[in-house]
Amino acid sequence: MIDIVISLVVLSLGFSIAMAGRGIVGGLRWDLVVAYLPLTAFVLFFAFIGHEFAHRQVARRLGYVAMYQADYTLLPLAVIFPLLFGFVFAAPGAVVISPFRLYGYGDEKRDVFLISAAGPLTNIAFAVAGAALMTALRSEIWWFFAYINAWLALFNLLPIPPLDGSKMIRTSPAMWLPIIAVAALLVLWLW
């Protein structure tokens, strides 16, 4: 629990810094960083924690031991990159899954796909809900909510290790393709 809270705080700060300027060289307004912090914390509470919680819950339902662990080596990059360059690069940590089941049985390839897909699918669901609220309420807050969730889904679906997409394409390319296509279309539509 401590790792996920620390990751959420650091990511919220990093996103707020990125939204407030173009980094130290391009100009950064600290008053905007403070103003954006509640919004980014709200959005990332769903986008980040929802994503990681989905991985954990699916793994546990399949019989594995699973818990979130922060990566304290890469976590600082979530603040350093926005400070220097004005954009977020974040690899805050991951849900670590025991290779052994506590109970049940099943197909390991299927399990890897389902566990990996759970996070991005959660972000896609949040993006669709945010887009519906954005349209109904004409609110930029819900646009931001939808866009961050869609972007997080698309990023995690890239077939680059250790991202979720690399595990999904390795275990079921035919099922990975429509999911990444939906995420890409959402990002383009919200752009």
N, C-alpha and C. Protein backbone atom coordinates (compact mmCIF):
# COMPACT_ATOMS: atom_id res chain seq x y z
N MET A 1 0.83 -1.19 0.00
CA MET A 1 0.00 0.00 0.00
C MET A 1 0.88 1.26 0.00
N ILE A 2 1.97 1.22 0.77
CA ILE A 2 2.86 2.39 0.83
C ILE A 2 3.48 2.66 -0.54
N ASP A 3 3.90 1.59 -1.23
CA ASP A 3 4.51 1.77 -2.56
C ASP A 3 3.55 2.43 -3.54
N ILE A 4 2.29 2.03 -3.53
CA ILE A 4 1.35 2.58 -4.51
C ILE A 4 1.00 4.03 -4.17
N VAL A 5 0.93 4.37 -2.90
CA VAL A 5 0.65 5.75 -2.50
C VAL A 5 1.83 6.65 -2.89
N ILE A 6 3.05 6.20 -2.61
CA ILE A 6 4.24 6.98 -3.00
C ILE A 6 4.28 7.17 -4.51
N SER A 7 4.00 6.10 -5.26
CA SER A 7 3.99 6.20 -6.72
C SER A 7 2.93 7.18 -7.20
N LEU A 8 1.74 7.14 -6.60
CA LEU A 8 0.67 8.07 -6.98
C LEU A 8 1.07 9.52 -6.73
N VAL A 9 1.68 9.80 -5.59
CA VAL A 9 2.11 11.16 -5.26
C VAL A 9 3.16 11.64 -6.26
N VAL A 10 4.15 10.81 -6.53
CA VAL A 10 5.23 11.19 -7.46
C VAL A 10 4.68 11.39 -8.87
N LEU A 11 3.84 10.48 -9.33
CA LEU A 11 3.25 10.63 -10.66
C LEU A 11 2.38 11.89 -10.76
N SER A 12 1.60 12.16 -9.72
CA SER A 12 0.76 13.36 -9.72
C SER A 12 1.61 14.62 -9.82
N LEU A 13 2.70 14.65 -9.08
CA LEU A 13 3.61 15.80 -9.15
C LEU A 13 4.23 15.91 -10.54
N GLY A 14 4.67 14.79 -11.10
CA GLY A 14 5.27 14.80 -12.44
C GLY A 14 4.31 15.30 -13.50
N PHE A 15 3.07 14.80 -13.48
CA PHE A 15 2.07 15.25 -14.46
C PHE A 15 1.74 16.72 -14.27
N SER A 16 1.68 17.18 -13.02
CA SER A 16 1.39 18.60 -12.76
C SER A 16 2.50 19.48 -13.29
N ILE A 17 3.74 19.06 -13.11
CA ILE A 17 4.88 19.82 -13.63
C ILE A 17 4.83 19.87 -15.16
N ALA A 18 4.53 18.73 -15.78
CA ALA A 18 4.45 18.69 -17.25
C ALA A 18 3.35 19.60 -17.78
N MET A 19 2.24 19.66 -17.08
CA MET A 19 1.12 20.50 -17.52
C MET A 19 1.40 21.99 -17.31
N ALA A 20 2.30 22.31 -16.40
CA ALA A 20 2.53 23.70 -16.02
C ALA A 20 3.60 24.40 -16.84
N GLY A 21 4.21 23.72 -17.77
CA GLY A 21 5.23 24.40 -18.56
C GLY A 21 6.01 23.45 -19.44
N ARG A 22 7.12 23.94 -19.95
CA ARG A 22 7.96 23.17 -20.86
C ARG A 22 9.28 22.80 -20.19
N GLY A 23 9.24 22.57 -18.91
CA GLY A 23 10.46 22.25 -18.18
C GLY A 23 11.16 23.50 -17.72
N ILE A 24 12.22 23.33 -16.98
CA ILE A 24 12.95 24.46 -16.42
C ILE A 24 13.51 25.37 -17.51
N VAL A 25 14.03 24.78 -18.59
CA VAL A 25 14.61 25.57 -19.66
C VAL A 25 13.53 26.36 -20.41
N GLY A 26 12.38 25.73 -20.66
CA GLY A 26 11.31 26.37 -21.42
C GLY A 26 10.39 27.24 -20.59
N GLY A 27 10.55 27.20 -19.30
CA GLY A 27 9.70 27.99 -18.41
C GLY A 27 8.72 27.12 -17.65
N LEU A 28 8.69 27.32 -16.37
CA LEU A 28 7.83 26.50 -15.51
C LEU A 28 7.18 27.41 -14.49
N ARG A 29 5.86 27.29 -14.36
CA ARG A 29 5.12 28.11 -13.40
C ARG A 29 4.71 27.25 -12.22
N TRP A 30 5.33 27.48 -11.08
CA TRP A 30 5.07 26.66 -9.90
C TRP A 30 3.66 26.88 -9.35
N ASP A 31 3.08 28.06 -9.59
CA ASP A 31 1.70 28.28 -9.15
C ASP A 31 0.75 27.35 -9.91
N LEU A 32 1.04 27.09 -11.21
CA LEU A 32 0.22 26.16 -11.98
C LEU A 32 0.45 24.71 -11.53
N VAL A 33 1.68 24.38 -11.16
CA VAL A 33 1.96 23.03 -10.65
C VAL A 33 1.05 22.75 -9.46
N VAL A 34 0.99 23.69 -8.54
CA VAL A 34 0.15 23.54 -7.34
C VAL A 34 -1.33 23.49 -7.72
N ALA A 35 -1.74 24.31 -8.68
CA ALA A 35 -3.15 24.34 -9.11
C ALA A 35 -3.57 23.05 -9.79
N TYR A 36 -2.66 22.45 -10.57
CA TYR A 36 -2.99 21.22 -11.31
C TYR A 36 -2.91 19.96 -10.44
N LEU A 37 -2.24 20.04 -9.31
CA LEU A 37 -2.00 18.86 -8.48
C LEU A 37 -3.28 18.11 -8.08
N PRO A 38 -4.34 18.78 -7.61
CA PRO A 38 -5.55 18.02 -7.26
C PRO A 38 -6.17 17.30 -8.47
N LEU A 39 -6.15 17.94 -9.63
CA LEU A 39 -6.71 17.33 -10.84
C LEU A 39 -5.91 16.10 -11.24
N THR A 40 -4.59 16.24 -11.29
CA THR A 40 -3.77 15.10 -11.71
C THR A 40 -3.87 13.96 -10.69
N ALA A 41 -3.95 14.28 -9.41
CA ALA A 41 -4.10 13.24 -8.39
C ALA A 41 -5.43 12.50 -8.57
N PHE A 42 -6.51 13.24 -8.86
CA PHE A 42 -7.82 12.62 -9.08
C PHE A 42 -7.78 11.69 -10.29
N VAL A 43 -7.25 12.18 -11.40
CA VAL A 43 -7.21 11.39 -12.64
C VAL A 43 -6.32 10.16 -12.46
N LEU A 44 -5.14 10.36 -11.88
CA LEU A 44 -4.22 9.23 -11.71
C LEU A 44 -4.67 8.24 -10.65
N PHE A 45 -5.50 8.70 -9.71
CA PHE A 45 -6.07 7.74 -8.76
C PHE A 45 -6.80 6.65 -9.52
N PHE A 46 -7.58 7.05 -10.52
CA PHE A 46 -8.31 6.06 -11.33
C PHE A 46 -7.39 5.42 -12.37
N ALA A 47 -6.66 6.25 -13.13
CA ALA A 47 -5.87 5.73 -14.25
C ALA A 47 -4.76 4.80 -13.78
N PHE A 48 -3.97 5.23 -12.82
CA PHE A 48 -2.82 4.46 -12.38
C PHE A 48 -3.22 3.37 -11.39
N ILE A 49 -3.92 3.76 -10.33
CA ILE A 49 -4.28 2.76 -9.32
C ILE A 49 -5.28 1.76 -9.89
N GLY A 50 -6.22 2.23 -10.69
CA GLY A 50 -7.16 1.31 -11.34
C GLY A 50 -6.46 0.30 -12.22
N HIS A 51 -5.48 0.76 -12.98
CA HIS A 51 -4.69 -0.10 -13.86
C HIS A 51 -3.97 -1.19 -13.06
N GLU A 52 -3.25 -0.77 -12.03
CA GLU A 52 -2.47 -1.73 -11.24
C GLU A 52 -3.37 -2.65 -10.42
N PHE A 53 -4.46 -2.11 -9.89
CA PHE A 53 -5.39 -2.92 -9.11
C PHE A 53 -6.02 -4.00 -9.99
N ALA A 54 -6.33 -3.67 -11.25
CA ALA A 54 -6.91 -4.65 -12.17
C ALA A 54 -5.95 -5.81 -12.41
N HIS A 55 -4.67 -5.50 -12.64
CA HIS A 55 -3.67 -6.57 -12.79
C HIS A 55 -3.68 -7.48 -11.55
N ARG A 56 -3.62 -6.85 -10.40
CA ARG A 56 -3.54 -7.60 -9.14
C ARG A 56 -4.77 -8.47 -8.93
N GLN A 57 -5.95 -7.91 -9.15
CA GLN A 57 -7.18 -8.66 -8.89
C GLN A 57 -7.35 -9.84 -9.83
N VAL A 58 -7.03 -9.64 -11.11
CA VAL A 58 -7.15 -10.76 -12.06
C VAL A 58 -6.14 -11.85 -11.69
N ALA A 59 -4.93 -11.47 -11.34
CA ALA A 59 -3.93 -12.46 -10.94
C ALA A 59 -4.40 -13.23 -9.70
N ARG A 60 -4.94 -12.53 -8.74
CA ARG A 60 -5.42 -13.19 -7.52
C ARG A 60 -6.61 -14.11 -7.81
N ARG A 61 -7.50 -13.67 -8.70
CA ARG A 61 -8.65 -14.52 -9.05
C ARG A 61 -8.20 -15.80 -9.75
N LEU A 62 -7.08 -15.72 -10.45
CA LEU A 62 -6.54 -16.90 -11.12
C LEU A 62 -5.69 -17.77 -10.19
N GLY A 63 -5.53 -17.34 -8.94
CA GLY A 63 -4.85 -18.17 -7.95
C GLY A 63 -3.42 -17.78 -7.63
N TYR A 64 -2.95 -16.66 -8.16
CA TYR A 64 -1.57 -16.24 -7.93
C TYR A 64 -1.47 -15.26 -6.76
N VAL A 65 -0.29 -15.16 -6.18
CA VAL A 65 0.01 -14.12 -5.22
C VAL A 65 0.49 -12.92 -6.05
N ALA A 66 -0.10 -11.75 -5.80
CA ALA A 66 0.24 -10.58 -6.61
C ALA A 66 0.16 -9.34 -5.74
N MET A 67 1.16 -8.44 -5.91
CA MET A 67 1.15 -7.17 -5.20
C MET A 67 1.97 -6.14 -5.95
N TYR A 68 1.60 -4.88 -5.75
CA TYR A 68 2.30 -3.77 -6.41
C TYR A 68 3.62 -3.49 -5.70
N GLN A 69 4.68 -3.27 -6.48
CA GLN A 69 5.96 -2.84 -5.93
C GLN A 69 6.46 -1.65 -6.74
N ALA A 70 6.79 -0.58 -6.04
CA ALA A 70 7.35 0.60 -6.70
C ALA A 70 8.77 0.29 -7.16
N ASP A 71 9.18 0.94 -8.24
CA ASP A 71 10.57 0.83 -8.70
C ASP A 71 11.25 2.14 -8.33
N TYR A 72 11.93 2.13 -7.19
CA TYR A 72 12.51 3.36 -6.66
C TYR A 72 13.72 3.85 -7.45
N THR A 73 14.19 3.05 -8.41
CA THR A 73 15.25 3.50 -9.30
C THR A 73 14.66 4.36 -10.42
N LEU A 74 13.53 3.91 -10.99
CA LEU A 74 12.92 4.63 -12.12
C LEU A 74 11.88 5.65 -11.70
N LEU A 75 11.31 5.51 -10.52
CA LEU A 75 10.25 6.42 -10.06
C LEU A 75 10.66 7.90 -10.11
N PRO A 76 11.87 8.26 -9.72
CA PRO A 76 12.25 9.69 -9.79
C PRO A 76 12.19 10.29 -11.20
N LEU A 77 12.29 9.45 -12.24
CA LEU A 77 12.22 9.96 -13.61
C LEU A 77 10.86 10.60 -13.90
N ALA A 78 9.82 10.20 -13.15
CA ALA A 78 8.50 10.77 -13.34
C ALA A 78 8.47 12.25 -12.98
N VAL A 79 9.44 12.72 -12.19
CA VAL A 79 9.54 14.15 -11.85
C VAL A 79 10.70 14.79 -12.61
N ILE A 80 11.80 14.07 -12.78
CA ILE A 80 12.99 14.62 -13.44
C ILE A 80 12.70 14.98 -14.90
N PHE A 81 12.05 14.08 -15.65
CA PHE A 81 11.76 14.36 -17.07
C PHE A 81 10.87 15.59 -17.24
N PRO A 82 9.76 15.72 -16.50
CA PRO A 82 8.96 16.95 -16.65
C PRO A 82 9.72 18.21 -16.25
N LEU A 83 10.55 18.10 -15.22
CA LEU A 83 11.34 19.27 -14.80
C LEU A 83 12.31 19.71 -15.89
N LEU A 84 12.98 18.75 -16.51
CA LEU A 84 14.00 19.09 -17.51
C LEU A 84 13.42 19.31 -18.90
N PHE A 85 12.47 18.45 -19.31
CA PHE A 85 12.03 18.45 -20.70
C PHE A 85 10.57 18.79 -20.92
N GLY A 86 9.77 18.83 -19.85
CA GLY A 86 8.36 19.21 -19.98
C GLY A 86 7.42 18.07 -20.35
N PHE A 87 7.89 16.82 -20.35
CA PHE A 87 6.99 15.70 -20.61
C PHE A 87 7.25 14.60 -19.60
N VAL A 88 6.23 13.75 -19.45
CA VAL A 88 6.30 12.70 -18.44
C VAL A 88 6.84 11.42 -19.06
N PHE A 89 7.84 10.85 -18.43
CA PHE A 89 8.27 9.48 -18.68
C PHE A 89 8.18 8.78 -17.34
N ALA A 90 7.28 7.82 -17.25
CA ALA A 90 7.05 7.20 -15.95
C ALA A 90 7.08 5.69 -16.03
N ALA A 91 7.86 5.11 -15.18
CA ALA A 91 7.88 3.66 -14.96
C ALA A 91 7.91 3.48 -13.45
N PRO A 92 6.77 3.77 -12.80
CA PRO A 92 6.77 3.84 -11.34
C PRO A 92 6.90 2.51 -10.63
N GLY A 93 6.57 1.43 -11.29
CA GLY A 93 6.61 0.12 -10.67
C GLY A 93 5.67 -0.81 -11.40
N ALA A 94 5.38 -1.95 -10.77
CA ALA A 94 4.53 -2.94 -11.41
C ALA A 94 3.97 -3.90 -10.38
N VAL A 95 2.92 -4.59 -10.80
CA VAL A 95 2.39 -5.67 -9.98
C VAL A 95 3.29 -6.88 -10.20
N VAL A 96 3.85 -7.37 -9.13
CA VAL A 96 4.72 -8.53 -9.18
C VAL A 96 3.87 -9.76 -8.86
N ILE A 97 3.97 -10.76 -9.73
CA ILE A 97 3.13 -11.94 -9.62
C ILE A 97 4.00 -13.16 -9.35
N SER A 98 3.60 -13.93 -8.36
CA SER A 98 4.30 -15.17 -8.04
C SER A 98 4.17 -16.14 -9.21
N PRO A 99 5.23 -16.85 -9.55
CA PRO A 99 5.12 -17.80 -10.66
C PRO A 99 4.35 -19.07 -10.28
N PHE A 100 4.02 -19.22 -9.01
CA PHE A 100 3.32 -20.42 -8.56
C PHE A 100 1.91 -20.07 -8.10
N ARG A 101 0.97 -20.91 -8.44
CA ARG A 101 -0.42 -20.73 -8.02
C ARG A 101 -0.62 -21.21 -6.60
N LEU A 102 -1.47 -20.53 -5.88
CA LEU A 102 -1.87 -20.99 -4.56
C LEU A 102 -3.01 -22.01 -4.68
N TYR A 103 -3.84 -21.82 -5.69
CA TYR A 103 -4.97 -22.72 -5.90
C TYR A 103 -5.36 -22.67 -7.37
N GLY A 104 -6.18 -23.62 -7.78
CA GLY A 104 -6.68 -23.63 -9.14
C GLY A 104 -5.64 -24.14 -10.13
N TYR A 105 -6.06 -24.18 -11.37
CA TYR A 105 -5.18 -24.58 -12.45
C TYR A 105 -5.63 -23.86 -13.70
N GLY A 106 -4.82 -23.89 -14.72
CA GLY A 106 -5.21 -23.21 -15.95
C GLY A 106 -4.07 -23.15 -16.94
N ASP A 107 -4.33 -22.52 -18.02
CA ASP A 107 -3.37 -22.37 -19.09
C ASP A 107 -2.49 -21.15 -18.80
N GLU A 108 -1.20 -21.35 -18.68
CA GLU A 108 -0.29 -20.25 -18.32
C GLU A 108 -0.31 -19.13 -19.35
N LYS A 109 -0.35 -19.47 -20.64
CA LYS A 109 -0.41 -18.43 -21.67
C LYS A 109 -1.67 -17.59 -21.54
N ARG A 110 -2.80 -18.26 -21.31
CA ARG A 110 -4.05 -17.55 -21.12
C ARG A 110 -3.98 -16.63 -19.90
N ASP A 111 -3.42 -17.15 -18.81
CA ASP A 111 -3.31 -16.37 -17.59
C ASP A 111 -2.46 -15.12 -17.80
N VAL A 112 -1.32 -15.28 -18.48
CA VAL A 112 -0.44 -14.13 -18.75
C VAL A 112 -1.19 -13.09 -19.57
N PHE A 113 -1.93 -13.54 -20.58
CA PHE A 113 -2.69 -12.60 -21.40
C PHE A 113 -3.74 -11.86 -20.57
N LEU A 114 -4.52 -12.61 -19.81
CA LEU A 114 -5.60 -12.00 -19.03
C LEU A 114 -5.07 -11.02 -17.98
N ILE A 115 -4.01 -11.40 -17.30
CA ILE A 115 -3.44 -10.52 -16.29
C ILE A 115 -2.87 -9.26 -16.95
N SER A 116 -2.18 -9.43 -18.06
CA SER A 116 -1.58 -8.28 -18.77
C SER A 116 -2.64 -7.36 -19.36
N ALA A 117 -3.70 -7.94 -19.88
CA ALA A 117 -4.76 -7.15 -20.52
C ALA A 117 -5.62 -6.39 -19.52
N ALA A 118 -5.68 -6.86 -18.28
CA ALA A 118 -6.58 -6.26 -17.29
C ALA A 118 -6.32 -4.77 -17.08
N GLY A 119 -5.06 -4.36 -16.97
CA GLY A 119 -4.74 -2.95 -16.75
C GLY A 119 -5.16 -2.06 -17.90
N PRO A 120 -4.68 -2.34 -19.13
CA PRO A 120 -5.09 -1.51 -20.26
C PRO A 120 -6.60 -1.51 -20.52
N LEU A 121 -7.25 -2.65 -20.33
CA LEU A 121 -8.70 -2.69 -20.53
C LEU A 121 -9.43 -1.82 -19.50
N THR A 122 -8.91 -1.77 -18.29
CA THR A 122 -9.48 -0.88 -17.28
C THR A 122 -9.33 0.57 -17.70
N ASN A 123 -8.14 0.93 -18.24
CA ASN A 123 -7.94 2.29 -18.72
C ASN A 123 -8.85 2.62 -19.90
N ILE A 124 -9.07 1.66 -20.77
CA ILE A 124 -9.98 1.89 -21.90
C ILE A 124 -11.39 2.13 -21.38
N ALA A 125 -11.82 1.34 -20.40
CA ALA A 125 -13.16 1.53 -19.83
C ALA A 125 -13.28 2.91 -19.17
N PHE A 126 -12.25 3.32 -18.44
CA PHE A 126 -12.27 4.66 -17.83
C PHE A 126 -12.26 5.75 -18.91
N ALA A 127 -11.52 5.53 -19.99
CA ALA A 127 -11.47 6.53 -21.07
C ALA A 127 -12.85 6.68 -21.72
N VAL A 128 -13.52 5.58 -21.96
CA VAL A 128 -14.86 5.63 -22.56
C VAL A 128 -15.83 6.33 -21.60
N ALA A 129 -15.77 6.00 -20.32
CA ALA A 129 -16.64 6.66 -19.33
C ALA A 129 -16.33 8.16 -19.27
N GLY A 130 -15.05 8.51 -19.27
CA GLY A 130 -14.66 9.92 -19.25
C GLY A 130 -15.13 10.65 -20.50
N ALA A 131 -15.03 9.99 -21.66
CA ALA A 131 -15.48 10.62 -22.91
C ALA A 131 -16.99 10.84 -22.88
N ALA A 132 -17.72 9.89 -22.32
CA ALA A 132 -19.18 10.05 -22.21
C ALA A 132 -19.52 11.23 -21.30
N LEU A 133 -18.83 11.33 -20.17
CA LEU A 133 -19.06 12.46 -19.25
C LEU A 133 -18.62 13.78 -19.88
N MET A 134 -17.51 13.74 -20.62
CA MET A 134 -17.03 14.94 -21.31
C MET A 134 -18.09 15.45 -22.29
N THR A 135 -18.69 14.53 -23.04
CA THR A 135 -19.69 14.90 -24.03
C THR A 135 -20.97 15.39 -23.35
N ALA A 136 -21.39 14.69 -22.31
CA ALA A 136 -22.64 15.05 -21.62
C ALA A 136 -22.52 16.36 -20.86
N LEU A 137 -21.37 16.57 -20.21
CA LEU A 137 -21.20 17.74 -19.35
C LEU A 137 -20.41 18.88 -19.99
N ARG A 138 -19.84 18.61 -21.17
CA ARG A 138 -19.00 19.61 -21.85
C ARG A 138 -17.90 20.12 -20.91
N SER A 139 -17.17 19.18 -20.34
CA SER A 139 -16.18 19.51 -19.31
C SER A 139 -14.78 19.11 -19.74
N GLU A 140 -13.85 20.04 -19.63
CA GLU A 140 -12.45 19.74 -19.94
C GLU A 140 -11.82 18.79 -18.93
N ILE A 141 -12.34 18.79 -17.72
CA ILE A 141 -11.81 17.87 -16.70
C ILE A 141 -12.04 16.43 -17.15
N TRP A 142 -13.24 16.15 -17.68
CA TRP A 142 -13.52 14.78 -18.13
C TRP A 142 -12.79 14.46 -19.42
N TRP A 143 -12.47 15.48 -20.24
CA TRP A 143 -11.62 15.24 -21.41
C TRP A 143 -10.24 14.79 -20.93
N PHE A 144 -9.68 15.49 -19.95
CA PHE A 144 -8.37 15.15 -19.41
C PHE A 144 -8.40 13.74 -18.82
N PHE A 145 -9.45 13.42 -18.08
CA PHE A 145 -9.62 12.09 -17.50
C PHE A 145 -9.60 11.03 -18.60
N ALA A 146 -10.40 11.26 -19.65
CA ALA A 146 -10.49 10.30 -20.76
C ALA A 146 -9.17 10.19 -21.49
N TYR A 147 -8.54 11.33 -21.77
CA TYR A 147 -7.30 11.34 -22.55
C TYR A 147 -6.16 10.63 -21.82
N ILE A 148 -5.98 10.90 -20.54
CA ILE A 148 -4.90 10.26 -19.77
C ILE A 148 -5.12 8.75 -19.71
N ASN A 149 -6.36 8.33 -19.50
CA ASN A 149 -6.64 6.89 -19.47
C ASN A 149 -6.40 6.24 -20.83
N ALA A 150 -6.83 6.90 -21.91
CA ALA A 150 -6.61 6.35 -23.25
C ALA A 150 -5.12 6.28 -23.56
N TRP A 151 -4.40 7.34 -23.22
CA TRP A 151 -2.95 7.38 -23.47
C TRP A 151 -2.24 6.29 -22.66
N LEU A 152 -2.62 6.13 -21.39
CA LEU A 152 -1.99 5.11 -20.55
C LEU A 152 -2.26 3.71 -21.09
N ALA A 153 -3.48 3.47 -21.58
CA ALA A 153 -3.79 2.17 -22.19
C ALA A 153 -2.91 1.94 -23.42
N LEU A 154 -2.86 2.93 -24.31
CA LEU A 154 -2.07 2.78 -25.54
C LEU A 154 -0.60 2.57 -25.23
N PHE A 155 -0.04 3.37 -24.34
CA PHE A 155 1.37 3.22 -23.98
C PHE A 155 1.65 1.82 -23.46
N ASN A 156 0.82 1.33 -22.54
CA ASN A 156 1.05 0.02 -21.95
C ASN A 156 0.82 -1.12 -22.93
N LEU A 157 0.09 -0.88 -24.01
CA LEU A 157 -0.16 -1.91 -25.01
C LEU A 157 0.94 -2.01 -26.07
N LEU A 158 1.90 -1.09 -26.04
CA LEU A 158 3.01 -1.18 -26.98
C LEU A 158 3.76 -2.50 -26.77
N PRO A 159 4.17 -3.16 -27.85
CA PRO A 159 4.82 -4.47 -27.71
C PRO A 159 6.32 -4.36 -27.38
N ILE A 160 6.61 -3.62 -26.33
CA ILE A 160 7.98 -3.38 -25.89
C ILE A 160 8.12 -3.91 -24.46
N PRO A 161 9.04 -4.84 -24.24
CA PRO A 161 9.22 -5.34 -22.86
C PRO A 161 9.66 -4.21 -21.94
N PRO A 162 9.20 -4.13 -20.75
CA PRO A 162 8.33 -5.05 -20.01
C PRO A 162 6.86 -4.64 -20.03
N LEU A 163 6.45 -3.81 -20.99
CA LEU A 163 5.07 -3.33 -21.03
C LEU A 163 4.08 -4.47 -21.25
N ASP A 164 2.84 -4.23 -20.88
CA ASP A 164 1.79 -5.24 -20.99
C ASP A 164 1.64 -5.75 -22.42
N GLY A 165 1.76 -4.87 -23.38
CA GLY A 165 1.60 -5.26 -24.78
C GLY A 165 2.58 -6.33 -25.22
N SER A 166 3.80 -6.32 -24.68
CA SER A 166 4.78 -7.34 -25.08
C SER A 166 4.35 -8.72 -24.62
N LYS A 167 3.74 -8.80 -23.46
CA LYS A 167 3.25 -10.09 -22.95
C LYS A 167 2.00 -10.52 -23.71
N MET A 168 1.15 -9.56 -24.04
CA MET A 168 -0.08 -9.88 -24.74
C MET A 168 0.19 -10.35 -26.16
N ILE A 169 1.08 -9.67 -26.88
CA ILE A 169 1.36 -10.06 -28.26
C ILE A 169 2.09 -11.40 -28.32
N ARG A 170 2.87 -11.69 -27.29
CA ARG A 170 3.57 -12.97 -27.23
C ARG A 170 2.60 -14.13 -27.00
N THR A 171 1.55 -13.89 -26.21
CA THR A 171 0.62 -14.97 -25.88
C THR A 171 -0.59 -15.06 -26.81
N SER A 172 -1.05 -13.92 -27.35
CA SER A 172 -2.20 -13.94 -28.26
C SER A 172 -2.24 -12.68 -29.12
N PRO A 173 -1.47 -12.68 -30.21
CA PRO A 173 -1.45 -11.48 -31.08
C PRO A 173 -2.83 -11.13 -31.65
N ALA A 174 -3.65 -12.13 -31.92
CA ALA A 174 -4.97 -11.89 -32.50
C ALA A 174 -5.89 -11.16 -31.52
N MET A 175 -5.71 -11.37 -30.23
CA MET A 175 -6.53 -10.67 -29.25
C MET A 175 -5.91 -9.32 -28.86
N TRP A 176 -4.59 -9.21 -28.96
CA TRP A 176 -3.90 -7.96 -28.64
C TRP A 176 -4.26 -6.87 -29.66
N LEU A 177 -4.32 -7.24 -30.94
CA LEU A 177 -4.50 -6.26 -32.02
C LEU A 177 -5.77 -5.42 -31.89
N PRO A 178 -6.96 -6.00 -31.67
CA PRO A 178 -8.14 -5.13 -31.55
C PRO A 178 -8.10 -4.24 -30.30
N ILE A 179 -7.45 -4.72 -29.24
CA ILE A 179 -7.39 -3.91 -28.02
C ILE A 179 -6.51 -2.69 -28.24
N ILE A 180 -5.34 -2.87 -28.86
CA ILE A 180 -4.47 -1.71 -29.11
C ILE A 180 -5.11 -0.78 -30.15
N ALA A 181 -5.86 -1.35 -31.09
CA ALA A 181 -6.54 -0.51 -32.09
C ALA A 181 -7.58 0.39 -31.42
N VAL A 182 -8.34 -0.15 -30.48
CA VAL A 182 -9.33 0.65 -29.75
C VAL A 182 -8.64 1.75 -28.96
N ALA A 183 -7.55 1.41 -28.28
CA ALA A 183 -6.82 2.42 -27.50
C ALA A 183 -6.27 3.52 -28.41
N ALA A 184 -5.72 3.14 -29.56
CA ALA A 184 -5.18 4.13 -30.50
C ALA A 184 -6.28 5.04 -31.04
N LEU A 185 -7.43 4.47 -31.37
CA LEU A 185 -8.56 5.27 -31.87
C LEU A 185 -9.06 6.23 -30.81
N LEU A 186 -9.10 5.78 -29.56
CA LEU A 186 -9.52 6.68 -28.47
C LEU A 186 -8.55 7.85 -28.33
N VAL A 187 -7.25 7.56 -28.35
CA VAL A 187 -6.25 8.63 -28.23
C VAL A 187 -6.39 9.61 -29.39
N LEU A 188 -6.52 9.10 -30.61
CA LEU A 188 -6.66 9.99 -31.78
C LEU A 188 -7.93 10.82 -31.70
N TRP A 189 -9.04 10.21 -31.30
CA TRP A 189 -10.31 10.93 -31.20
C TRP A 189 -10.24 12.03 -30.15
N LEU A 190 -9.61 11.73 -29.02
CA LEU A 190 -9.52 12.71 -27.94
C LEU A 190 -8.45 13.78 -28.19
N TRP A 191 -7.50 13.49 -29.06
CA TRP A 191 -6.42 14.43 -29.37
C TRP A 191 -7.01 15.70 -29.93
